[in-house]
C-alpha atoms as a PDB file:
ATOM      1  CA  GLN A   1      27.979  -6.165 -11.581  1.00  0.00           C
ATOM      2  CA  VAL A   2      25.762  -3.115 -11.360  1.00  0.00           C
ATOM      3  CA  GLN A   3      23.565  -3.102  -8.280  1.00  0.00           C
ATOM      4  CA  LEU A   4      21.005  -0.568  -7.141  1.00  0.00           C
ATOM      5  CA  VAL A   5      19.287  -1.168  -3.813  1.00  0.00           C
ATOM      6  CA  GLU A   6      16.451   1.048  -2.624  1.00  0.00           C
ATOM      7  CA  SER A   7      15.334   1.441   0.972  1.00  0.00           C
ATOM      8  CA  GLY A   8      13.211   3.697   3.133  1.00  0.00           C
ATOM      9  CA  GLY A   9       9.711   2.932   1.912  1.00  0.00           C
ATOM     10  CA  GLY A  10       6.793   2.284   4.205  1.00  0.00           C
ATOM     11  CA  LEU A  11       3.339   3.350   5.308  1.00  0.00           C
ATOM     12  CA  VAL A  12       2.816   7.027   6.034  1.00  0.00           C
ATOM     13  CA  GLN A  13      -0.222   9.206   6.636  1.00  0.00           C
ATOM     14  CA  PRO A  14      -1.199  11.942   4.192  1.00  0.00           C
ATOM     15  CA  GLY A  15       0.893  15.016   4.856  1.00  0.00           C
ATOM     16  CA  GLY A  16       3.753  12.962   6.213  1.00  0.00           C
ATOM     17  CA  SER A  17       7.325  12.548   5.035  1.00  0.00           C
ATOM     18  CA  LEU A  18       9.635   9.746   3.967  1.00  0.00           C
ATOM     19  CA  ARG A  19      13.215   9.627   2.772  1.00  0.00           C
ATOM     20  CA  LEU A  20      14.172   7.023   0.205  1.00  0.00           C
ATOM     21  CA  SER A  21      17.745   5.935  -0.420  1.00  0.00           C
ATOM     22  CA  CYS A  22      19.412   4.153  -3.307  1.00  0.00           C
ATOM     23  CA  ALA A  23      22.766   2.452  -2.718  1.00  0.00           C
ATOM     24  CA  ALA A  24      24.772   1.938  -5.902  1.00  0.00           C
ATOM     25  CA  SER A  25      27.678  -0.389  -6.639  1.00  0.00           C
ATOM     26  CA  GLY A  26      29.455  -1.978  -9.579  1.00  0.00           C
ATOM     27  CA  PHE A  27      29.954   1.180 -11.643  1.00  0.00           C
ATOM     28  CA  THR A  28      31.512   4.636 -11.388  1.00  0.00           C
ATOM     29  CA  PHE A  29      28.562   6.272  -9.665  1.00  0.00           C
ATOM     30  CA  ARG A  30      29.860   9.829  -9.886  1.00  0.00           C
ATOM     31  CA  ALA A  31      30.045   9.639 -13.673  1.00  0.00           C
ATOM     32  CA  TYR A  32      26.359   9.055 -14.372  1.00  0.00           C
ATOM     33  CA  ALA A  33      23.076  10.815 -14.002  1.00  0.00           C
ATOM     34  CA  MET A  34      20.546   9.092 -11.803  1.00  0.00           C
ATOM     35  CA  SER A  35      16.790   9.180 -11.470  1.00  0.00           C
ATOM     36  CA  TRP A  36      13.816   8.049  -9.446  1.00  0.00           C
ATOM     37  CA  TYR A  37      10.781   6.482 -11.068  1.00  0.00           C
ATOM     38  CA  ARG A  38       7.574   5.201  -9.562  1.00  0.00           C
ATOM     39  CA  GLN A  39       4.881   2.774 -10.598  1.00  0.00           C
ATOM     40  CA  ALA A  40       1.449   2.814  -9.050  1.00  0.00           C
ATOM     41  CA  PRO A  41      -0.847  -0.222  -9.251  1.00  0.00           C
ATOM     42  CA  GLY A  42      -2.345  -0.502 -12.717  1.00  0.00           C
ATOM     43  CA  LYS A  43      -0.323   2.415 -14.071  1.00  0.00           C
ATOM     44  CA  GLU A  44       2.784   2.830 -16.168  1.00  0.00           C
ATOM     45  CA  ARG A  45       6.134   3.623 -14.601  1.00  0.00           C
ATOM     46  CA  GLU A  46       6.713   7.386 -14.508  1.00  0.00           C
ATOM     47  CA  LEU A  47       9.725   9.606 -13.975  1.00  0.00           C
ATOM     48  CA  VAL A  48       9.643  11.383 -10.621  1.00  0.00           C
ATOM     49  CA  ALA A  49      12.989  13.186 -10.432  1.00  0.00           C
ATOM     50  CA  ALA A  50      16.423  13.192 -12.023  1.00  0.00           C
ATOM     51  CA  ILE A  51      19.830  14.464 -11.027  1.00  0.00           C
ATOM     52  CA  SER A  52      22.987  15.054 -13.026  1.00  0.00           C
ATOM     53  CA  SER A  53      26.250  13.286 -12.293  1.00  0.00           C
ATOM     54  CA  SER A  54      27.587  16.199 -10.252  1.00  0.00           C
ATOM     55  CA  GLY A  55      24.269  16.914  -8.585  1.00  0.00           C
ATOM     56  CA  GLY A  56      24.209  20.415  -9.996  1.00  0.00           C
ATOM     57  CA  THR A  57      21.148  19.901 -12.176  1.00  0.00           C
ATOM     58  CA  ARG A  58      17.891  18.479 -10.888  1.00  0.00           C
ATOM     59  CA  SER A  59      14.487  18.095 -12.461  1.00  0.00           C
ATOM     60  CA  TYR A  60      11.087  17.003 -11.177  1.00  0.00           C
ATOM     61  CA  ALA A  61       7.742  15.843 -12.420  1.00  0.00           C
ATOM     62  CA  ASP A  62       5.130  18.564 -12.077  1.00  0.00           C
ATOM     63  CA  SER A  63       3.186  16.377  -9.664  1.00  0.00           C
ATOM     64  CA  VAL A  64       6.008  16.393  -7.077  1.00  0.00           C
ATOM     65  CA  LYS A  65       7.598  19.828  -7.565  1.00  0.00           C
ATOM     66  CA  GLY A  66       7.936  21.691  -4.309  1.00  0.00           C
ATOM     67  CA  ARG A  67       7.344  18.527  -2.259  1.00  0.00           C
ATOM     68  CA  PHE A  68      10.155  16.149  -3.254  1.00  0.00           C
ATOM     69  CA  THR A  69      13.896  16.785  -3.273  1.00  0.00           C
ATOM     70  CA  ILE A  70      16.420  14.579  -5.052  1.00  0.00           C
ATOM     71  CA  SER A  71      20.037  14.528  -3.913  1.00  0.00           C
ATOM     72  CA  ARG A  72      23.167  12.424  -4.191  1.00  0.00           C
ATOM     73  CA  ASP A  73      26.386  11.763  -2.310  1.00  0.00           C
ATOM     74  CA  ASN A  74      29.077  10.762  -4.787  1.00  0.00           C
ATOM     75  CA  ALA A  75      31.521   9.928  -1.996  1.00  0.00           C
ATOM     76  CA  ALA A  76      29.089   7.394  -0.548  1.00  0.00           C
ATOM     77  CA  ASN A  77      27.621   6.186  -3.862  1.00  0.00           C
ATOM     78  CA  THR A  78      24.097   6.947  -2.729  1.00  0.00           C
ATOM     79  CA  MET A  79      21.113   8.867  -4.002  1.00  0.00           C
ATOM     80  CA  SER A  80      18.158  10.037  -1.945  1.00  0.00           C
ATOM     81  CA  LEU A  81      14.622  11.267  -2.420  1.00  0.00           C
ATOM     82  CA  GLN A  82      13.162  13.377   0.374  1.00  0.00           C
ATOM     83  CA  MET A  83       9.383  13.263   0.095  1.00  0.00           C
ATOM     84  CA  ASN A  84       7.299  15.760   2.051  1.00  0.00           C
ATOM     85  CA  SER A  85       3.596  16.561   2.121  1.00  0.00           C
ATOM     86  CA  LEU A  86       2.826  13.104   0.831  1.00  0.00           C
ATOM     87  CA  LYS A  87      -0.521  12.452  -0.810  1.00  0.00           C
ATOM     88  CA  PRO A  88      -2.429   9.206  -1.379  1.00  0.00           C
ATOM     89  CA  GLU A  89      -1.670   9.531  -5.087  1.00  0.00           C
ATOM     90  CA  ASP A  90       2.039   9.224  -4.268  1.00  0.00           C
ATOM     91  CA  THR A  91       1.435   5.573  -3.366  1.00  0.00           C
ATOM     92  CA  ALA A  92       3.653   3.469  -5.622  1.00  0.00           C
ATOM     93  CA  VAL A  93       6.742   1.330  -5.844  1.00  0.00           C
ATOM     94  CA  TYR A  94       9.700   3.688  -6.192  1.00  0.00           C
ATOM     95  CA  HIS A  95      12.706   2.594  -8.240  1.00  0.00           C
ATOM     96  CA  CYS A  96      16.088   4.167  -8.756  1.00  0.00           C
ATOM     97  CA  LYS A  97      17.602   4.065 -12.205  1.00  0.00           C
ATOM     98  CA  ALA A  98      21.054   4.537 -13.655  1.00  0.00           C
ATOM     99  CA  THR A  99      21.684   4.946 -17.374  1.00  0.00           C
ATOM    100  CA  ILE A 100      25.153   3.587 -17.954  1.00  0.00           C
ATOM    101  CA  ASP A 101      26.484   3.924 -21.484  1.00  0.00           C
ATOM    102  CA  LEU A 102      22.950   3.819 -22.931  1.00  0.00           C
ATOM    103  CA  LEU A 103      21.957   0.813 -20.815  1.00  0.00           C
ATOM    104  CA  ALA A 104      19.396   1.191 -18.058  1.00  0.00           C
ATOM    105  CA  ALA A 105      19.920  -0.411 -14.670  1.00  0.00           C
ATOM    106  CA  TRP A 106      17.068  -0.586 -12.178  1.00  0.00           C
ATOM    107  CA  GLY A 107      16.736  -1.337  -8.516  1.00  0.00           C
ATOM    108  CA  GLN A 108      14.098  -3.730  -7.235  1.00  0.00           C
ATOM    109  CA  GLY A 109      12.020  -0.926  -5.776  1.00  0.00           C
ATOM    110  CA  THR A 110      10.667   0.127  -2.411  1.00  0.00           C
ATOM    111  CA  LEU A 111       6.952   0.442  -1.665  1.00  0.00           C
ATOM    112  CA  VAL A 112       5.542   3.726  -0.444  1.00  0.00           C
ATOM    113  CA  THR A 113       1.960   3.679   0.808  1.00  0.00           C
ATOM    114  CA  VAL A 114       0.254   6.919   1.752  1.00  0.00           C
ATOM    115  CA  SER A 115      -2.938   6.216   3.640  1.00  0.00           C
ATOM    116  CA  SER A 116      -4.788   7.169   6.783  1.00  0.00           C
END
Protein backbone atom coordinates (compact mmCIF):
# COMPACT_ATOMS: atom_id res chain seq x y z
CA GLN A 1 0.00 0.00 0.00
CA VAL A 2 0.98 3.63 -0.32
CA GLN A 3 3.41 4.75 2.36
CA LEU A 4 4.97 8.14 2.95
CA VAL A 5 7.46 8.47 5.79
CA GLU A 6 8.90 11.83 6.79
CA SER A 7 12.12 12.36 8.70
CA GLY A 8 14.58 15.09 9.57
CA GLY A 9 12.58 17.26 11.94
CA GLY A 10 13.91 18.57 15.21
CA LEU A 11 14.72 21.60 17.31
CA VAL A 12 16.69 24.37 15.65
CA GLN A 13 17.55 27.94 16.58
CA PRO A 14 16.20 30.87 14.57
CA GLY A 15 18.34 31.37 11.50
CA GLY A 16 19.28 27.71 11.38
CA SER A 17 18.67 25.05 8.76
CA LEU A 18 17.03 21.65 8.53
CA ARG A 19 16.52 19.18 5.72
CA LEU A 20 13.36 17.11 5.70
CA SER A 21 12.99 13.90 3.72
CA CYS A 22 9.97 11.92 2.58
CA ALA A 23 10.44 8.27 1.60
CA ALA A 24 7.70 6.96 -0.68
CA SER A 25 6.64 3.41 -1.47
CA GLY A 26 3.67 1.49 -2.83
CA PHE A 27 3.09 3.60 -5.95
CA THR A 28 4.91 4.80 -9.06
CA PHE A 29 6.59 7.77 -7.42
CA ARG A 30 7.97 9.29 -10.60
CA ALA A 31 4.49 9.60 -12.09
CA TYR A 32 2.99 11.95 -9.51
CA ALA A 33 3.44 15.44 -8.24
CA MET A 34 4.34 15.75 -4.60
CA SER A 35 4.03 18.45 -1.98
CA TRP A 36 4.92 19.51 1.53
CA TYR A 37 2.33 20.86 3.92
CA ARG A 38 2.65 22.06 7.48
CA GLN A 39 0.32 22.49 10.41
CA ALA A 40 1.15 24.75 13.31
CA PRO A 41 -0.58 24.35 16.68
CA GLY A 42 -4.10 25.76 16.51
CA LYS A 43 -3.86 26.50 12.80
CA GLU A 44 -5.08 24.87 9.62
CA ARG A 45 -2.77 22.77 7.47
CA GLU A 46 -1.15 24.91 4.76
CA LEU A 47 0.70 24.18 1.55
CA VAL A 48 4.41 24.95 1.80
CA ALA A 49 5.84 23.75 -1.51
CA ALA A 50 4.99 21.53 -4.46
CA ILE A 51 6.97 19.81 -7.17
CA SER A 52 5.92 18.25 -10.45
CA SER A 53 6.48 14.59 -11.26
CA SER A 54 9.67 15.31 -13.19
CA GLY A 55 10.89 17.93 -10.74
CA GLY A 56 10.93 20.57 -13.44
CA THR A 57 8.23 22.74 -11.90
CA ARG A 58 8.30 23.91 -8.31
CA SER A 59 6.13 26.32 -6.38
CA TYR A 60 6.30 27.82 -2.90
CA ALA A 61 4.15 29.62 -0.40
CA ASP A 62 5.05 33.29 -0.20
CA SER A 63 6.07 32.83 3.42
CA VAL A 64 8.91 30.43 2.52
CA LYS A 65 10.05 31.71 -0.90
CA GLY A 66 13.78 32.24 -1.02
CA ARG A 67 14.33 30.20 2.16
CA PHE A 68 13.01 26.72 1.36
CA THR A 69 13.88 24.48 -1.57
CA ILE A 70 11.85 21.43 -2.60
CA SER A 71 13.49 18.63 -4.56
CA ARG A 72 12.98 15.00 -5.47
CA ASP A 73 14.99 11.96 -6.50
CA ASN A 74 12.82 9.72 -8.66
CA ALA A 75 15.46 6.98 -8.70
CA ALA A 76 15.38 6.78 -4.91
CA ASN A 77 11.66 7.51 -4.46
CA THR A 78 12.37 10.38 -2.11
CA MET A 79 11.44 14.02 -1.79
CA SER A 80 13.24 16.63 0.28
CA LEU A 81 12.67 20.07 1.72
CA GLN A 82 15.76 22.13 2.48
CA MET A 83 14.81 24.80 4.99
CA ASN A 84 17.18 27.71 5.61
CA SER A 85 16.91 30.89 7.64
CA LEU A 86 14.29 29.28 9.81
CA LYS A 87 11.97 31.49 11.84
CA PRO A 88 9.89 30.73 14.94
CA GLU A 89 6.78 30.96 12.77
CA ASP A 90 8.04 27.97 10.78
CA THR A 91 7.36 25.78 13.82
CA ALA A 92 4.89 23.10 12.75
CA VAL A 93 4.41 19.46 11.91
CA TYR A 94 5.50 19.00 8.30
CA HIS A 95 3.74 16.41 6.16
CA CYS A 96 4.46 15.13 2.69
CA LYS A 97 1.55 14.50 0.38
CA ALA A 98 1.01 12.56 -2.82
CA THR A 99 -2.11 12.95 -4.95
CA ILE A 100 -2.55 9.62 -6.67
CA ASP A 101 -5.40 9.43 -9.16
CA LEU A 102 -7.36 12.11 -7.28
CA LEU A 103 -6.76 10.46 -3.90
CA ALA A 104 -4.55 12.13 -1.33
CA ALA A 105 -2.00 10.16 0.64
CA TRP A 106 -0.29 11.71 3.65
CA GLY A 107 2.69 10.88 5.78
CA GLN A 108 2.48 10.95 9.56
CA GLY A 109 4.52 14.13 9.78
CA THR A 110 7.74 15.31 11.35
CA LEU A 111 7.90 18.08 13.96
CA VAL A 112 10.02 21.14 13.34
CA THR A 113 10.52 23.49 16.28
CA VAL A 114 12.32 26.78 15.77
CA SER A 115 13.22 28.30 19.11
CA SER A 116 16.12 29.80 20.99
